[in-house]
């Protein structure tokens, strides 16, 4: 599944891209002489070509985990890979893409030996969200964030989006709504 395959994503859609471009703001000039409301995001891939964003202030750490050291926990959702010993604490490991309806990163015949987890704390709960690749830090003008569009994204993704941005290359980056992810997962953790 790819955002590129969703309906109405073509650049010739009348008016769709004309008013919804979001240009990342340079770090050194983001807050100088500008009334813009900006936020720094960690940009990563959910799957090949599908970029997503998480606000930097919600992230505790980016952790490289050894997958064989993840201890599976019985009777959990498929997206919950298990628990991992992180700094002497138990870190729940969750496939973020699978939570929102993408195929599992570990569905292939040869799962990876290592994975990248974005450790996020919400209240008393700490979860490591496994993603295929971390890309970069980006700063976006929040006034250019678009509301989640049911014609652009599948129904499984919509509850987990706070919105999306379209950059100058017409690439979509979805902004993940971390509280909604935690709320859904807490029902099964």
N, C-alpha and C. Protein backbone atom coordinates (compact mmCIF):
# COMPACT_ATOMS: atom_id res chain seq x y z
N UNK A 1 0.84 -1.16 0.00
CA UNK A 1 0.00 0.00 0.00
C UNK A 1 0.89 1.23 0.00
N UNK A 2 0.56 2.20 -0.79
CA UNK A 2 1.34 3.42 -0.89
C UNK A 2 0.40 4.60 -1.03
N UNK A 3 0.77 5.73 -0.45
CA UNK A 3 -0.06 6.92 -0.60
C UNK A 3 -0.18 7.29 -2.06
N UNK A 4 0.84 6.98 -2.84
CA UNK A 4 0.83 7.32 -4.26
C UNK A 4 -0.29 6.60 -5.00
N UNK A 5 -0.77 5.47 -4.45
CA UNK A 5 -1.81 4.71 -5.13
C UNK A 5 -3.21 5.14 -4.74
N UNK A 6 -3.35 6.07 -3.80
CA UNK A 6 -4.66 6.49 -3.36
C UNK A 6 -5.29 7.39 -4.40
N UNK A 7 -6.63 7.41 -4.49
CA UNK A 7 -7.30 8.23 -5.49
C UNK A 7 -7.03 9.73 -5.27
N UNK A 8 -7.20 10.50 -6.33
CA UNK A 8 -7.08 11.96 -6.32
C UNK A 8 -5.70 12.46 -5.93
N UNK A 9 -4.67 11.68 -6.10
CA UNK A 9 -3.31 12.10 -5.76
C UNK A 9 -2.60 12.67 -6.99
N UNK A 10 -3.18 12.52 -8.18
CA UNK A 10 -2.53 12.98 -9.39
C UNK A 10 -2.35 14.50 -9.33
N UNK A 11 -1.23 14.95 -9.89
CA UNK A 11 -0.93 16.38 -9.85
C UNK A 11 -1.88 17.19 -10.73
N UNK A 12 -2.65 16.53 -11.60
CA UNK A 12 -3.57 17.28 -12.44
C UNK A 12 -4.95 17.42 -11.80
N UNK A 13 -5.09 17.02 -10.54
CA UNK A 13 -6.36 17.22 -9.85
C UNK A 13 -6.59 18.72 -9.71
N UNK A 14 -7.76 19.22 -10.13
CA UNK A 14 -7.97 20.67 -10.14
C UNK A 14 -7.92 21.25 -8.72
N UNK A 15 -6.99 22.17 -8.52
CA UNK A 15 -6.92 22.91 -7.28
C UNK A 15 -6.36 22.18 -6.08
N UNK A 16 -6.16 20.88 -6.16
CA UNK A 16 -5.73 20.13 -4.98
C UNK A 16 -4.35 20.54 -4.50
N UNK A 17 -3.39 20.57 -5.39
CA UNK A 17 -2.03 20.89 -4.98
C UNK A 17 -1.75 22.39 -4.99
N UNK A 18 -2.58 23.15 -5.64
CA UNK A 18 -2.30 24.57 -5.80
C UNK A 18 -2.27 25.32 -4.47
N UNK A 19 -3.08 24.90 -3.51
CA UNK A 19 -3.15 25.63 -2.24
C UNK A 19 -2.61 24.85 -1.07
N UNK A 20 -2.02 23.69 -1.31
CA UNK A 20 -1.66 22.85 -0.18
C UNK A 20 -0.17 22.50 -0.11
N UNK A 21 0.67 23.29 -0.69
CA UNK A 21 2.11 23.03 -0.62
C UNK A 21 2.66 23.49 0.73
N UNK A 22 3.57 22.69 1.26
CA UNK A 22 4.24 23.06 2.50
C UNK A 22 5.73 22.93 2.29
N UNK A 23 6.42 24.01 2.45
CA UNK A 23 7.86 24.00 2.27
C UNK A 23 8.53 23.91 3.62
N UNK A 24 9.43 22.93 3.81
CA UNK A 24 10.15 22.89 5.08
C UNK A 24 10.85 24.23 5.32
N UNK A 25 10.87 24.66 6.56
CA UNK A 25 11.47 25.94 6.94
C UNK A 25 12.87 25.67 7.43
N UNK A 26 13.83 26.48 7.01
CA UNK A 26 15.22 26.29 7.45
C UNK A 26 15.32 26.46 8.96
N UNK A 27 16.15 25.63 9.60
CA UNK A 27 16.29 25.67 11.05
C UNK A 27 16.74 27.03 11.56
N UNK A 28 17.72 27.65 10.90
CA UNK A 28 18.31 28.87 11.43
C UNK A 28 17.44 30.11 11.23
N UNK A 29 16.46 30.05 10.34
CA UNK A 29 15.62 31.21 10.11
C UNK A 29 14.16 30.97 10.47
N UNK A 30 13.83 29.83 11.02
CA UNK A 30 12.44 29.47 11.26
C UNK A 30 11.72 30.42 12.20
N UNK A 31 12.40 30.93 13.19
CA UNK A 31 11.72 31.75 14.18
C UNK A 31 12.13 33.22 14.14
N UNK A 32 12.98 33.60 13.21
CA UNK A 32 13.48 34.96 13.13
C UNK A 32 12.61 35.77 12.16
N UNK A 33 12.10 36.91 12.61
CA UNK A 33 11.33 37.82 11.76
C UNK A 33 10.19 37.13 11.02
N UNK A 34 9.52 36.18 11.68
CA UNK A 34 8.46 35.46 11.01
C UNK A 34 7.32 35.17 11.97
N UNK A 35 6.09 35.52 11.59
CA UNK A 35 4.96 35.22 12.45
C UNK A 35 4.47 33.78 12.28
N UNK A 36 5.17 32.98 11.51
CA UNK A 36 4.76 31.61 11.24
C UNK A 36 4.76 30.78 12.52
N UNK A 37 3.83 29.85 12.59
CA UNK A 37 3.82 28.87 13.67
C UNK A 37 4.47 27.62 13.10
N UNK A 38 5.67 27.31 13.58
CA UNK A 38 6.41 26.19 13.03
C UNK A 38 6.59 25.11 14.08
N UNK A 39 6.80 23.89 13.60
CA UNK A 39 7.06 22.77 14.49
C UNK A 39 8.12 21.88 13.84
N UNK A 40 9.00 21.34 14.67
CA UNK A 40 10.05 20.45 14.19
C UNK A 40 9.53 19.01 14.25
N UNK A 41 9.74 18.26 13.17
CA UNK A 41 9.29 16.88 13.06
C UNK A 41 10.46 15.96 12.72
N UNK A 42 10.36 14.72 13.17
CA UNK A 42 11.23 13.66 12.68
C UNK A 42 10.52 13.05 11.48
N UNK A 43 11.20 13.01 10.34
CA UNK A 43 10.62 12.43 9.13
C UNK A 43 11.19 11.03 8.95
N UNK A 44 10.32 10.07 8.63
CA UNK A 44 10.72 8.68 8.47
C UNK A 44 9.82 8.03 7.43
N UNK A 45 10.20 6.82 7.02
CA UNK A 45 9.37 6.05 6.09
C UNK A 45 8.49 5.10 6.87
N UNK A 46 7.23 4.99 6.44
CA UNK A 46 6.36 3.93 6.95
C UNK A 46 6.60 2.67 6.12
N UNK A 47 6.68 2.85 4.83
CA UNK A 47 7.03 1.83 3.86
C UNK A 47 7.72 2.56 2.72
N UNK A 48 8.22 1.84 1.75
CA UNK A 48 8.95 2.47 0.64
C UNK A 48 8.12 3.58 0.00
N UNK A 49 8.62 4.80 0.05
CA UNK A 49 7.97 5.92 -0.58
C UNK A 49 6.91 6.63 0.24
N UNK A 50 6.51 6.08 1.37
CA UNK A 50 5.47 6.69 2.20
C UNK A 50 6.11 7.35 3.41
N UNK A 51 6.17 8.69 3.37
CA UNK A 51 6.84 9.45 4.42
C UNK A 51 5.85 9.86 5.51
N UNK A 52 6.34 9.86 6.74
CA UNK A 52 5.51 10.24 7.88
C UNK A 52 6.32 11.14 8.80
N UNK A 53 5.60 11.85 9.67
CA UNK A 53 6.20 12.81 10.58
C UNK A 53 5.69 12.59 12.00
N UNK A 54 6.60 12.73 12.96
CA UNK A 54 6.24 12.73 14.38
C UNK A 54 6.89 13.97 14.99
N UNK A 55 6.13 14.74 15.79
CA UNK A 55 6.74 15.91 16.43
C UNK A 55 7.94 15.51 17.29
N UNK A 56 9.04 16.24 17.13
CA UNK A 56 10.29 15.92 17.82
C UNK A 56 10.11 15.94 19.34
N UNK A 57 9.30 16.85 19.85
CA UNK A 57 9.17 16.96 21.30
C UNK A 57 8.52 15.74 21.94
N UNK A 58 7.91 14.86 21.15
CA UNK A 58 7.30 13.65 21.71
C UNK A 58 8.28 12.48 21.76
N UNK A 59 9.45 12.62 21.14
CA UNK A 59 10.39 11.51 20.99
C UNK A 59 11.42 11.52 22.12
N UNK A 60 11.58 10.35 22.76
CA UNK A 60 12.61 10.21 23.80
C UNK A 60 13.95 9.86 23.19
N UNK A 61 13.95 8.95 22.23
CA UNK A 61 15.20 8.49 21.64
C UNK A 61 14.90 7.65 20.40
N UNK A 62 15.88 7.56 19.51
CA UNK A 62 15.82 6.62 18.39
C UNK A 62 16.77 5.49 18.75
N UNK A 63 16.24 4.26 18.74
CA UNK A 63 16.97 3.10 19.23
C UNK A 63 17.12 2.07 18.12
N UNK A 64 18.33 1.56 17.94
CA UNK A 64 18.52 0.40 17.06
C UNK A 64 18.39 -0.84 17.93
N UNK A 65 17.43 -1.68 17.59
CA UNK A 65 17.19 -2.88 18.40
C UNK A 65 17.61 -4.13 17.64
N UNK A 66 18.01 -5.14 18.39
CA UNK A 66 18.27 -6.45 17.80
C UNK A 66 16.97 -7.24 17.89
N UNK A 67 16.38 -7.55 16.75
CA UNK A 67 15.08 -8.19 16.69
C UNK A 67 15.04 -9.52 17.45
N UNK A 68 16.10 -10.38 17.38
CA UNK A 68 16.04 -11.63 18.14
C UNK A 68 15.95 -11.42 19.66
N UNK A 69 16.30 -10.22 20.14
CA UNK A 69 16.23 -9.93 21.57
C UNK A 69 14.86 -9.40 22.00
N UNK A 70 13.93 -9.24 21.06
CA UNK A 70 12.57 -8.83 21.40
C UNK A 70 11.83 -10.07 21.88
N UNK A 71 11.31 -10.00 23.09
CA UNK A 71 10.60 -11.13 23.69
C UNK A 71 9.12 -11.03 23.33
N UNK A 72 8.61 -11.98 22.52
CA UNK A 72 7.19 -11.95 22.17
C UNK A 72 6.31 -12.12 23.41
N UNK A 73 5.17 -11.46 23.40
CA UNK A 73 4.22 -11.57 24.50
C UNK A 73 2.95 -12.20 23.93
N UNK A 74 2.51 -13.32 24.51
CA UNK A 74 1.33 -14.01 23.98
C UNK A 74 0.06 -13.17 24.08
N UNK A 75 -0.86 -13.45 23.20
CA UNK A 75 -2.20 -12.88 23.17
C UNK A 75 -2.19 -11.36 23.02
N UNK A 76 -1.27 -10.87 22.21
CA UNK A 76 -1.20 -9.45 21.89
C UNK A 76 -1.60 -9.25 20.43
N UNK A 77 -1.92 -8.04 20.09
CA UNK A 77 -2.20 -7.70 18.69
C UNK A 77 -0.98 -8.05 17.84
N UNK A 78 -1.22 -8.31 16.57
CA UNK A 78 -0.13 -8.66 15.66
C UNK A 78 0.91 -7.55 15.54
N UNK A 79 0.49 -6.30 15.67
CA UNK A 79 1.43 -5.18 15.54
C UNK A 79 2.38 -5.07 16.73
N UNK A 80 2.05 -5.70 17.85
CA UNK A 80 2.91 -5.67 19.03
C UNK A 80 3.91 -6.81 18.90
N UNK A 81 5.17 -6.46 18.66
CA UNK A 81 6.20 -7.48 18.45
C UNK A 81 6.65 -8.11 19.76
N UNK A 82 6.55 -7.36 20.85
CA UNK A 82 6.95 -7.87 22.15
C UNK A 82 7.60 -6.79 22.98
N UNK A 83 8.44 -7.22 23.93
CA UNK A 83 9.13 -6.27 24.80
C UNK A 83 10.63 -6.41 24.61
N UNK A 84 11.34 -5.33 24.90
CA UNK A 84 12.77 -5.25 24.67
C UNK A 84 13.41 -4.60 25.89
N UNK A 85 14.57 -5.11 26.30
CA UNK A 85 15.29 -4.53 27.43
C UNK A 85 16.03 -3.30 26.93
N UNK A 86 15.56 -2.14 27.34
CA UNK A 86 16.13 -0.86 26.93
C UNK A 86 16.55 -0.10 28.18
N UNK A 87 17.87 -0.02 28.39
CA UNK A 87 18.42 0.66 29.56
C UNK A 87 17.89 0.09 30.87
N UNK A 88 17.69 -1.22 30.89
CA UNK A 88 17.20 -1.88 32.08
C UNK A 88 15.69 -1.75 32.28
N UNK A 89 15.01 -1.12 31.36
CA UNK A 89 13.55 -0.95 31.43
C UNK A 89 12.90 -1.75 30.31
N UNK A 90 11.62 -2.07 30.51
CA UNK A 90 10.86 -2.80 29.51
C UNK A 90 10.30 -1.80 28.49
N UNK A 91 10.67 -1.98 27.22
CA UNK A 91 10.17 -1.14 26.14
C UNK A 91 9.30 -1.99 25.23
N UNK A 92 8.02 -1.64 25.14
CA UNK A 92 7.13 -2.33 24.21
C UNK A 92 7.57 -1.98 22.79
N UNK A 93 7.66 -2.97 21.93
CA UNK A 93 8.06 -2.77 20.53
C UNK A 93 6.85 -3.02 19.64
N UNK A 94 6.51 -2.00 18.84
CA UNK A 94 5.30 -2.02 18.02
C UNK A 94 5.66 -1.63 16.59
N UNK A 95 5.13 -2.36 15.62
CA UNK A 95 5.29 -2.03 14.20
C UNK A 95 4.31 -0.91 13.87
N UNK A 96 4.80 0.32 13.77
CA UNK A 96 3.93 1.48 13.57
C UNK A 96 3.11 1.37 12.29
N UNK A 97 3.73 0.94 11.21
CA UNK A 97 3.00 0.79 9.95
C UNK A 97 1.85 -0.18 10.07
N UNK A 98 2.07 -1.28 10.76
CA UNK A 98 1.02 -2.28 10.91
C UNK A 98 -0.14 -1.76 11.76
N UNK A 99 0.14 -0.90 12.73
CA UNK A 99 -0.92 -0.31 13.55
C UNK A 99 -1.93 0.41 12.66
N UNK A 100 -1.44 1.11 11.65
CA UNK A 100 -2.35 1.92 10.83
C UNK A 100 -2.73 1.25 9.51
N UNK A 101 -2.47 -0.05 9.39
CA UNK A 101 -3.00 -0.79 8.26
C UNK A 101 -2.03 -1.20 7.17
N UNK A 102 -0.74 -0.96 7.33
CA UNK A 102 0.25 -1.40 6.36
C UNK A 102 0.67 -2.83 6.67
N UNK A 103 1.24 -3.55 5.70
CA UNK A 103 1.77 -4.89 5.99
C UNK A 103 2.92 -4.79 6.99
N UNK A 104 3.11 -5.85 7.75
CA UNK A 104 4.17 -5.88 8.76
C UNK A 104 5.55 -5.81 8.12
N UNK A 105 6.45 -5.12 8.79
CA UNK A 105 7.86 -5.10 8.37
C UNK A 105 8.48 -6.49 8.45
N UNK A 106 7.89 -7.34 9.26
CA UNK A 106 8.47 -8.64 9.56
C UNK A 106 7.70 -9.78 8.90
N UNK A 107 6.91 -9.49 7.87
CA UNK A 107 6.10 -10.50 7.21
C UNK A 107 6.88 -11.35 6.22
N UNK A 108 8.04 -10.91 5.79
CA UNK A 108 8.83 -11.64 4.79
C UNK A 108 9.45 -12.90 5.34
N UNK A 109 10.04 -13.68 4.45
CA UNK A 109 10.69 -14.93 4.84
C UNK A 109 11.91 -14.69 5.70
N UNK A 110 12.60 -13.57 5.47
CA UNK A 110 13.82 -13.27 6.20
C UNK A 110 13.68 -11.93 6.91
N UNK A 111 13.10 -11.95 8.13
CA UNK A 111 12.97 -10.68 8.84
C UNK A 111 14.34 -10.10 9.18
N UNK A 112 14.43 -8.79 9.31
CA UNK A 112 15.73 -8.17 9.59
C UNK A 112 16.24 -8.55 10.98
N UNK A 113 17.56 -8.56 11.14
CA UNK A 113 18.16 -8.82 12.45
C UNK A 113 18.11 -7.59 13.35
N UNK A 114 18.12 -6.42 12.73
CA UNK A 114 18.03 -5.18 13.50
C UNK A 114 16.88 -4.33 12.95
N UNK A 115 16.40 -3.45 13.79
CA UNK A 115 15.32 -2.55 13.38
C UNK A 115 15.51 -1.21 14.09
N UNK A 116 14.91 -0.19 13.53
CA UNK A 116 14.96 1.14 14.13
C UNK A 116 13.64 1.37 14.86
N UNK A 117 13.74 1.74 16.13
CA UNK A 117 12.55 2.03 16.93
C UNK A 117 12.62 3.48 17.40
N UNK A 118 11.50 4.16 17.26
CA UNK A 118 11.38 5.52 17.77
C UNK A 118 10.70 5.41 19.13
N UNK A 119 11.46 5.65 20.20
CA UNK A 119 10.94 5.52 21.56
C UNK A 119 10.17 6.79 21.93
N UNK A 120 8.90 6.58 22.28
CA UNK A 120 8.01 7.69 22.63
C UNK A 120 7.33 7.38 23.95
N UNK A 121 7.33 8.37 24.84
CA UNK A 121 6.67 8.22 26.13
C UNK A 121 5.40 9.05 26.14
N UNK A 122 4.33 8.42 26.58
CA UNK A 122 3.04 9.09 26.70
C UNK A 122 2.49 8.71 28.07
N UNK A 123 2.45 9.67 28.97
CA UNK A 123 2.03 9.36 30.33
C UNK A 123 3.05 8.44 30.98
N UNK A 124 2.59 7.31 31.48
CA UNK A 124 3.46 6.33 32.13
C UNK A 124 3.94 5.25 31.16
N UNK A 125 3.47 5.28 29.93
CA UNK A 125 3.75 4.22 28.96
C UNK A 125 4.85 4.65 27.99
N UNK A 126 5.82 3.75 27.75
CA UNK A 126 6.88 3.98 26.77
C UNK A 126 6.75 2.90 25.70
N UNK A 127 6.74 3.33 24.44
CA UNK A 127 6.62 2.40 23.31
C UNK A 127 7.71 2.72 22.30
N UNK A 128 8.32 1.68 21.75
CA UNK A 128 9.28 1.81 20.66
C UNK A 128 8.58 1.47 19.36
N UNK A 129 8.35 2.45 18.52
CA UNK A 129 7.66 2.24 17.25
C UNK A 129 8.68 1.91 16.17
N UNK A 130 8.60 0.70 15.63
CA UNK A 130 9.55 0.24 14.62
C UNK A 130 9.14 0.82 13.26
N UNK A 131 10.14 1.39 12.58
CA UNK A 131 9.95 1.95 11.24
C UNK A 131 11.10 1.46 10.37
N UNK A 132 10.91 1.42 9.04
CA UNK A 132 11.98 0.92 8.18
C UNK A 132 13.18 1.85 8.05
N UNK A 133 12.94 3.17 8.12
CA UNK A 133 14.05 4.10 7.92
C UNK A 133 13.70 5.47 8.49
N UNK A 134 14.64 6.05 9.23
CA UNK A 134 14.52 7.44 9.69
C UNK A 134 15.22 8.30 8.65
N UNK A 135 14.57 9.39 8.23
CA UNK A 135 15.12 10.23 7.17
C UNK A 135 15.85 11.46 7.69
N UNK A 136 15.13 12.37 8.36
CA UNK A 136 15.73 13.65 8.70
C UNK A 136 14.84 14.39 9.67
N UNK A 137 15.34 15.51 10.17
CA UNK A 137 14.52 16.45 10.92
C UNK A 137 14.05 17.53 9.96
N UNK A 138 12.77 17.86 10.03
CA UNK A 138 12.20 18.89 9.17
C UNK A 138 11.39 19.86 10.04
N UNK A 139 11.35 21.11 9.63
CA UNK A 139 10.52 22.11 10.30
C UNK A 139 9.45 22.54 9.30
N UNK A 140 8.18 22.45 9.72
CA UNK A 140 7.07 22.83 8.86
C UNK A 140 6.26 23.95 9.48
N UNK A 141 5.70 24.78 8.62
CA UNK A 141 4.76 25.81 9.03
C UNK A 141 3.42 25.12 9.28
N UNK A 142 2.94 25.14 10.51
CA UNK A 142 1.70 24.43 10.85
C UNK A 142 0.48 25.03 10.16
N UNK A 143 0.58 26.27 9.71
CA UNK A 143 -0.53 26.87 8.98
C UNK A 143 -0.71 26.23 7.61
N UNK A 144 0.30 25.49 7.14
CA UNK A 144 0.21 24.80 5.86
C UNK A 144 -0.20 23.34 6.01
N UNK A 145 -0.45 22.91 7.23
CA UNK A 145 -0.88 21.52 7.45
C UNK A 145 -2.32 21.37 6.98
N UNK A 146 -2.57 20.32 6.20
CA UNK A 146 -3.90 20.04 5.67
C UNK A 146 -4.61 19.04 6.58
N UNK A 147 -5.94 19.14 6.62
CA UNK A 147 -6.75 18.18 7.37
C UNK A 147 -6.70 16.82 6.66
N UNK A 148 -6.79 15.72 7.42
CA UNK A 148 -6.82 14.39 6.78
C UNK A 148 -7.99 14.31 5.80
N UNK A 149 -7.72 13.82 4.61
CA UNK A 149 -8.70 13.78 3.53
C UNK A 149 -9.10 12.33 3.24
N UNK A 150 -10.38 11.96 3.45
CA UNK A 150 -10.81 10.59 3.21
C UNK A 150 -10.72 10.16 1.74
N UNK A 151 -10.60 11.12 0.83
CA UNK A 151 -10.42 10.77 -0.58
C UNK A 151 -8.95 10.52 -0.91
N UNK A 152 -8.06 10.90 -0.02
CA UNK A 152 -6.63 10.77 -0.26
C UNK A 152 -6.02 9.60 0.51
N UNK A 153 -6.59 9.29 1.68
CA UNK A 153 -6.03 8.24 2.54
C UNK A 153 -7.09 7.18 2.83
N UNK A 154 -6.65 5.93 3.01
CA UNK A 154 -7.61 4.87 3.33
C UNK A 154 -8.18 5.07 4.74
N UNK A 155 -9.35 4.50 4.97
CA UNK A 155 -10.04 4.65 6.26
C UNK A 155 -9.19 4.16 7.42
N UNK A 156 -8.34 3.15 7.21
CA UNK A 156 -7.52 2.62 8.31
C UNK A 156 -6.49 3.63 8.79
N UNK A 157 -6.08 4.56 7.95
CA UNK A 157 -5.05 5.54 8.29
C UNK A 157 -5.64 6.78 8.96
N UNK A 158 -6.82 7.20 8.56
CA UNK A 158 -7.41 8.47 8.99
C UNK A 158 -7.45 8.69 10.50
N UNK A 159 -7.83 7.69 11.31
CA UNK A 159 -7.89 7.95 12.76
C UNK A 159 -6.53 8.27 13.39
N UNK A 160 -5.45 7.98 12.68
CA UNK A 160 -4.11 8.14 13.24
C UNK A 160 -3.36 9.34 12.67
N UNK A 161 -4.05 10.18 11.92
CA UNK A 161 -3.43 11.35 11.32
C UNK A 161 -3.88 12.62 12.02
N UNK A 162 -2.93 13.52 12.23
CA UNK A 162 -3.31 14.87 12.67
C UNK A 162 -3.40 15.78 11.44
N UNK A 163 -2.90 15.31 10.31
CA UNK A 163 -2.94 16.05 9.06
C UNK A 163 -1.82 15.60 8.14
N UNK A 164 -1.56 16.41 7.12
CA UNK A 164 -0.47 16.09 6.20
C UNK A 164 0.05 17.38 5.57
N UNK A 165 1.25 17.26 5.02
CA UNK A 165 1.90 18.36 4.31
C UNK A 165 2.26 17.87 2.91
N UNK A 166 2.25 18.78 1.95
CA UNK A 166 2.73 18.48 0.60
C UNK A 166 3.87 19.44 0.33
N UNK A 167 5.04 18.88 -0.01
CA UNK A 167 6.22 19.73 -0.22
C UNK A 167 6.28 20.21 -1.68
N UNK A 168 7.33 20.93 -2.00
CA UNK A 168 7.49 21.49 -3.34
C UNK A 168 7.63 20.43 -4.43
N UNK A 169 7.98 19.21 -4.04
CA UNK A 169 8.11 18.10 -5.00
C UNK A 169 6.81 17.31 -5.11
N UNK A 170 5.73 17.84 -4.55
CA UNK A 170 4.42 17.17 -4.52
C UNK A 170 4.45 15.86 -3.73
N UNK A 171 5.38 15.74 -2.80
CA UNK A 171 5.46 14.56 -1.94
C UNK A 171 4.64 14.81 -0.69
N UNK A 172 3.85 13.82 -0.31
CA UNK A 172 3.02 13.90 0.89
C UNK A 172 3.79 13.33 2.07
N UNK A 173 3.74 14.04 3.19
CA UNK A 173 4.24 13.53 4.47
C UNK A 173 3.08 13.62 5.44
N UNK A 174 2.69 12.48 5.99
CA UNK A 174 1.58 12.48 6.94
C UNK A 174 2.10 12.78 8.34
N UNK A 175 1.33 13.53 9.10
CA UNK A 175 1.67 13.84 10.49
C UNK A 175 0.90 12.85 11.37
N UNK A 176 1.65 12.01 12.08
CA UNK A 176 1.05 10.98 12.92
C UNK A 176 0.51 11.60 14.21
N UNK A 177 -0.71 11.20 14.59
CA UNK A 177 -1.33 11.65 15.84
C UNK A 177 -0.96 10.64 16.92
N UNK A 178 0.11 10.93 17.65
CA UNK A 178 0.64 10.00 18.65
C UNK A 178 -0.39 9.64 19.73
N UNK A 179 -1.14 10.60 20.30
CA UNK A 179 -2.12 10.21 21.33
C UNK A 179 -3.15 9.19 20.84
N UNK A 180 -3.59 9.29 19.59
CA UNK A 180 -4.56 8.31 19.09
C UNK A 180 -3.93 6.92 18.93
N UNK A 181 -2.65 6.86 18.56
CA UNK A 181 -1.95 5.57 18.46
C UNK A 181 -1.86 4.94 19.85
N UNK A 182 -1.46 5.72 20.84
CA UNK A 182 -1.35 5.20 22.21
C UNK A 182 -2.71 4.74 22.73
N UNK A 183 -3.75 5.49 22.44
CA UNK A 183 -5.08 5.13 22.92
C UNK A 183 -5.50 3.77 22.38
N UNK A 184 -5.29 3.54 21.10
CA UNK A 184 -5.65 2.25 20.50
C UNK A 184 -4.79 1.12 21.07
N UNK A 185 -3.50 1.37 21.23
CA UNK A 185 -2.60 0.33 21.73
C UNK A 185 -2.85 0.01 23.20
N UNK A 186 -3.23 0.98 24.00
CA UNK A 186 -3.45 0.72 25.42
C UNK A 186 -4.59 -0.25 25.66
N UNK A 187 -5.46 -0.40 24.69
CA UNK A 187 -6.53 -1.39 24.81
C UNK A 187 -5.98 -2.81 24.73
N UNK A 188 -4.75 -2.95 24.15
CA UNK A 188 -4.19 -4.28 24.00
C UNK A 188 -2.88 -4.49 24.73
N UNK A 189 -2.36 -3.49 25.44
CA UNK A 189 -1.09 -3.65 26.15
C UNK A 189 -1.32 -3.97 27.61
